[in-house]
Amino acid sequence: MGGALALDAAWLFAAFLLILVLIASGIAARRFLLERGGGTVDCGLRPTAGHGAWRLGVASYQGDQLCWYHLFGFLLRPRLELERRTLTVTSRREATGTESASLGPGMVVVECEVGDGHRVELAMSDAALTGFLSWLEAAPPGSYMDQIA
């Protein structure tokens, strides 16, 4: 009886390890697919500025949109899409100690206002922030003309 129980436990453990490997492989394959198009950076997101928990993810520049993907998801659809012409950076600061524990060291937090007045916070490295600000400023001439009344 003890041998059969040990064999059942071994099979259960092997099945558990196999499931973990499949999940990790799926997440790695998704990350590879997101990054192969280029223009992706590690980016934390707090959907309501100053409130709630940080979510880890990847941001991708796709034309005039910043698409944010949750790090541990399986879908290849972005969870959040921010239009360049409606996005404004309102403040910038270094991540606090508790934020650094969840986001990683050396992250910079930028608070952004989306066109409808909604505020979100993005956390990224200094190099990624430089690219983000350059992307914001690089809008084609005249692309904001529809906002002028």
Foldseek 3Di string as FASTA:
>chain_A
DVVVVVVVVVVVVVVVVVVVVVLVVLLVVLVCVQPVVDAKFWKWKDQAPPDDDIFTWMWHDDPQWIFTDGSRDRDNHGPDIAGLLQKDWDDKDADDPVRCVVRNPQWIKTWIAGNVRGIMIMIGHPVVVVVVVCSSVPDDPPPNVVVDD
